């Protein structure tokens, strides 16, 4: 799957937010108006490229024929390079959720074979809701990209456009994101709203910040 350009990402985010808010995808005219394009042919060109990269499918002849195939946050990680450089893509809250940024701001070098197979990315930790298991503000969490985790595992979870690091539990009637600090309440999402939750990955490692003593 290819990487979206800045404008492609903006259009894709607009589509997904319109779908979440209205329950239907936008029309080409609505996209054109939002981005101030004079012609819907410009919109068609962008959608064709977004579809080519695997994020959407466009059904010709339908007024609202855009089908979202992939969540943007599901494709955050880049493949590890030959030098095992893990992209650091921003911050994740060990506390209240914070805005999820997809842009790689730096890369973290790890020894060869330090991690198992799979794709990884890293996030700066902000907040102390997981401090009882040794995760504190300023640490860097290494996340293995996967869409499913077992109950009780620590996961990077996306709540709409916000990211948080919590212990994940899925029950028949709800999803519960548990803190490891009694000062922070657990986050409970009813089953009816669970479609807005995406698992970005499982905690695989932790780079602890330097502490001066």
Protein backbone atom coordinates (compact mmCIF):
# COMPACT_ATOMS: atom_id res chain seq x y z
CA UNK A 1 0.00 0.00 0.00
CA UNK A 2 1.40 3.39 -0.99
CA UNK A 3 1.80 6.40 1.26
CA UNK A 4 -0.74 9.19 0.84
CA UNK A 5 0.46 12.65 -0.10
CA UNK A 6 -0.54 15.56 2.11
CA UNK A 7 -3.57 16.52 0.01
CA UNK A 8 -4.61 12.89 -0.44
CA UNK A 9 -4.46 12.43 3.32
CA UNK A 10 -6.57 15.56 3.87
CA UNK A 11 -9.22 14.30 1.45
CA UNK A 12 -9.20 10.83 3.01
CA UNK A 13 -9.60 12.29 6.52
CA UNK A 14 -12.48 14.45 5.28
CA UNK A 15 -14.18 11.36 3.82
CA UNK A 16 -13.82 9.33 7.01
CA UNK A 17 -14.98 12.16 9.25
CA UNK A 18 -18.01 12.78 7.01
CA UNK A 19 -18.80 9.06 7.15
CA UNK A 20 -18.50 8.99 10.96
CA UNK A 21 -20.62 12.12 11.43
CA UNK A 22 -23.30 11.66 8.78
CA UNK A 23 -23.28 7.89 8.36
CA UNK A 24 -22.74 8.26 4.61
CA UNK A 25 -19.71 9.19 2.47
CA UNK A 26 -19.58 12.65 0.88
CA UNK A 27 -20.45 13.28 -2.75
CA UNK A 28 -17.82 14.49 -5.21
CA UNK A 29 -19.48 17.91 -5.17
CA UNK A 30 -19.23 18.10 -1.37
CA UNK A 31 -15.52 17.24 -1.53
CA UNK A 32 -14.98 19.84 -4.23
CA UNK A 33 -16.76 22.52 -2.20
CA UNK A 34 -14.85 21.66 0.97
CA UNK A 35 -11.48 21.89 -0.78
CA UNK A 36 -12.53 24.76 -3.05
CA UNK A 37 -11.97 22.86 -6.30
CA UNK A 38 -13.64 24.38 -9.36
CA UNK A 39 -14.18 20.98 -10.99
CA UNK A 40 -15.12 17.58 -9.65
CA UNK A 41 -12.66 16.14 -12.17
CA UNK A 42 -9.92 17.27 -9.77
CA UNK A 43 -11.66 15.31 -7.03
CA UNK A 44 -11.93 12.27 -9.28
CA UNK A 45 -8.19 12.42 -9.94
CA UNK A 46 -7.35 12.47 -6.24
CA UNK A 47 -9.83 9.70 -5.45
CA UNK A 48 -8.40 7.54 -8.22
CA UNK A 49 -4.92 7.82 -6.69
CA UNK A 50 -6.20 7.21 -3.14
CA UNK A 51 -8.04 4.14 -4.40
CA UNK A 52 -4.92 2.93 -6.21
CA UNK A 53 -3.09 3.04 -2.88
CA UNK A 54 -5.74 0.80 -1.32
CA UNK A 55 -7.50 3.17 1.08
CA UNK A 56 -10.84 3.44 -0.69
CA UNK A 57 -12.92 1.92 -3.46
CA UNK A 58 -14.94 4.15 -5.75
CA UNK A 59 -18.16 2.73 -7.21
CA UNK A 60 -18.84 4.56 -10.51
CA UNK A 61 -22.34 5.85 -11.13
CA UNK A 62 -23.25 6.19 -7.47
CA UNK A 63 -23.73 9.61 -5.89
CA UNK A 64 -22.06 8.50 -2.67
CA UNK A 65 -20.04 5.65 -4.06
CA UNK A 66 -16.91 5.97 -1.93
CA UNK A 67 -16.15 2.92 0.21
CA UNK A 68 -13.46 3.21 2.89
CA UNK A 69 -11.28 0.11 2.95
CA UNK A 70 -8.55 1.03 5.39
CA UNK A 71 -8.30 3.26 8.44
CA UNK A 72 -5.51 5.81 8.22
CA UNK A 73 -4.06 4.88 11.59
CA UNK A 74 -3.93 1.21 10.58
CA UNK A 75 -1.09 2.02 8.22
CA UNK A 76 1.06 4.22 10.41
CA UNK A 77 4.05 1.88 10.67
CA UNK A 78 6.68 1.71 8.00
CA UNK A 79 8.59 -1.49 7.32
CA UNK A 80 11.78 -1.75 9.30
CA UNK A 81 14.73 -0.76 7.21
CA UNK A 82 17.82 -2.89 6.85
CA UNK A 83 19.26 -0.88 9.74
CA UNK A 84 16.24 -1.64 11.93
CA UNK A 85 15.11 1.96 12.27
CA UNK A 86 11.70 2.29 13.83
CA UNK A 87 9.71 5.43 12.92
CA UNK A 88 8.76 7.65 15.85
CA UNK A 89 5.41 9.07 14.81
CA UNK A 90 4.42 11.33 17.69
CA UNK A 91 2.84 11.06 21.11
CA UNK A 92 0.45 8.70 22.83
CA UNK A 93 -1.35 9.46 26.05
CA UNK A 94 -0.92 7.37 29.16
CA UNK A 95 -3.73 9.44 30.61
CA UNK A 96 -6.44 11.26 28.68
CA UNK A 97 -6.33 10.51 24.93
CA UNK A 98 -4.39 12.98 22.78
CA UNK A 99 -4.54 13.76 19.09
CA UNK A 100 -2.99 11.02 16.97
CA UNK A 101 -0.33 12.28 14.57
CA UNK A 102 0.74 10.02 11.71
CA UNK A 103 3.86 11.82 10.52
CA UNK A 104 7.21 10.22 11.39
CA UNK A 105 9.24 12.84 13.25
CA UNK A 106 12.36 10.76 13.79
CA UNK A 107 13.61 7.17 13.79
CA UNK A 108 14.71 4.95 16.64
CA UNK A 109 17.63 2.61 15.96
CA UNK A 110 17.47 -0.79 17.60
CA UNK A 111 19.93 -3.70 17.46
CA UNK A 112 19.36 -6.32 14.79
CA UNK A 113 17.05 -9.09 16.04
CA UNK A 114 16.23 -7.04 19.15
CA UNK A 115 12.57 -7.35 18.24
CA UNK A 116 10.68 -10.24 16.69
CA UNK A 117 9.16 -10.33 13.23
CA UNK A 118 6.56 -7.78 12.27
CA UNK A 119 6.25 -4.03 11.75
CA UNK A 120 6.95 -1.56 14.52
CA UNK A 121 6.60 2.11 15.28
CA UNK A 122 7.39 4.20 18.34
CA UNK A 123 5.50 6.85 20.30
CA UNK A 124 6.45 9.33 23.02
CA UNK A 125 4.48 8.66 26.20
CA UNK A 126 2.62 11.59 27.76
CA UNK A 127 0.93 11.01 31.10
CA UNK A 128 1.26 8.62 34.02
CA UNK A 129 -1.87 6.46 33.88
CA UNK A 130 0.32 3.39 33.26
CA UNK A 131 3.05 4.20 35.76
CA UNK A 132 2.34 1.17 37.97
CA UNK A 133 3.77 -1.05 35.23
CA UNK A 134 6.73 1.24 34.69
CA UNK A 135 5.45 3.42 31.83
CA UNK A 136 5.97 7.13 32.52
CA UNK A 137 5.89 10.49 30.79
CA UNK A 138 8.95 10.91 28.59
CA UNK A 139 9.40 7.22 27.84
CA UNK A 140 9.20 5.91 24.29
CA UNK A 141 6.77 3.06 23.71
CA UNK A 142 7.65 0.61 20.95
CA UNK A 143 4.48 -0.74 19.34
CA UNK A 144 4.12 -3.86 17.20
CA UNK A 145 1.60 -3.06 14.48
CA UNK A 146 -1.41 -5.39 14.71
CA UNK A 147 -5.18 -4.91 14.59
CA UNK A 148 -6.08 -7.45 17.29
CA UNK A 149 -4.79 -7.96 20.83
CA UNK A 150 -5.73 -10.39 23.57
CA UNK A 151 -7.68 -9.26 26.62
CA UNK A 152 -5.31 -7.83 29.20
CA UNK A 153 -2.56 -6.84 26.78
CA UNK A 154 -1.32 -3.24 26.67
CA UNK A 155 -2.28 -1.67 23.37
CA UNK A 156 -2.09 1.59 21.46
CA UNK A 157 -5.75 2.35 20.83
CA UNK A 158 -7.21 4.99 18.53
CA UNK A 159 -10.45 6.61 19.66
CA UNK A 160 -11.58 8.43 16.51
CA UNK A 161 -8.59 10.79 16.03
CA UNK A 162 -7.10 10.35 19.50
CA UNK A 163 -4.52 7.85 20.72
CA UNK A 164 -4.06 6.32 24.14
CA UNK A 165 -2.01 3.53 25.71
CA UNK A 166 -4.08 1.27 27.94
CA UNK A 167 -4.68 -2.32 28.95
CA UNK A 168 -7.34 -3.59 26.54
CA UNK A 169 -10.39 -5.66 27.44
CA UNK A 170 -13.27 -6.52 25.13
CA UNK A 171 -16.54 -7.77 26.63
CA UNK A 172 -19.87 -8.66 25.06
CA UNK A 173 -21.39 -5.28 25.92
CA UNK A 174 -18.40 -2.94 26.01
CA UNK A 175 -14.71 -2.30 25.48
CA UNK A 176 -12.76 -1.25 28.54
CA UNK A 177 -9.40 0.52 28.44
CA UNK A 178 -7.85 0.07 31.86
CA UNK A 179 -5.27 2.31 33.50
CA UNK A 180 -2.47 1.12 35.74
CA UNK A 181 -2.78 4.04 38.12
CA UNK A 182 -5.73 4.47 40.53
CA UNK A 183 -5.66 8.23 39.94
CA UNK A 184 -6.87 7.68 36.37
CA UNK A 185 -10.33 6.25 35.63
CA UNK A 186 -10.75 3.50 33.08
CA UNK A 187 -12.22 4.39 29.70
CA UNK A 188 -15.41 2.45 28.96
CA UNK A 189 -16.87 2.37 25.46
CA UNK A 190 -20.33 0.81 24.95
CA UNK A 191 -20.67 -1.82 22.25
CA UNK A 192 -22.76 0.62 20.19
CA UNK A 193 -19.75 2.95 19.94
CA UNK A 194 -17.04 0.29 19.57
CA UNK A 195 -16.92 0.81 15.79
CA UNK A 196 -15.06 4.04 16.48
CA UNK A 197 -12.19 2.18 18.16
CA UNK A 198 -9.13 0.99 16.27
CA UNK A 199 -6.21 -0.96 17.66
CA UNK A 200 -2.97 0.41 16.25
CA UNK A 201 -0.76 -2.20 17.87
CA UNK A 202 0.53 -4.00 20.94
CA UNK A 203 3.17 -2.70 23.34
CA UNK A 204 6.36 -4.57 22.48
CA UNK A 205 9.05 -2.61 24.30
CA UNK A 206 9.87 0.53 26.23
CA UNK A 207 12.75 2.98 26.08
CA UNK A 208 12.89 4.56 29.55
CA UNK A 209 13.86 8.20 29.81
CA UNK A 210 17.05 9.14 31.61
CA UNK A 211 16.56 10.09 35.24
CA UNK A 212 19.13 12.27 36.97
CA UNK A 213 19.94 11.10 40.49
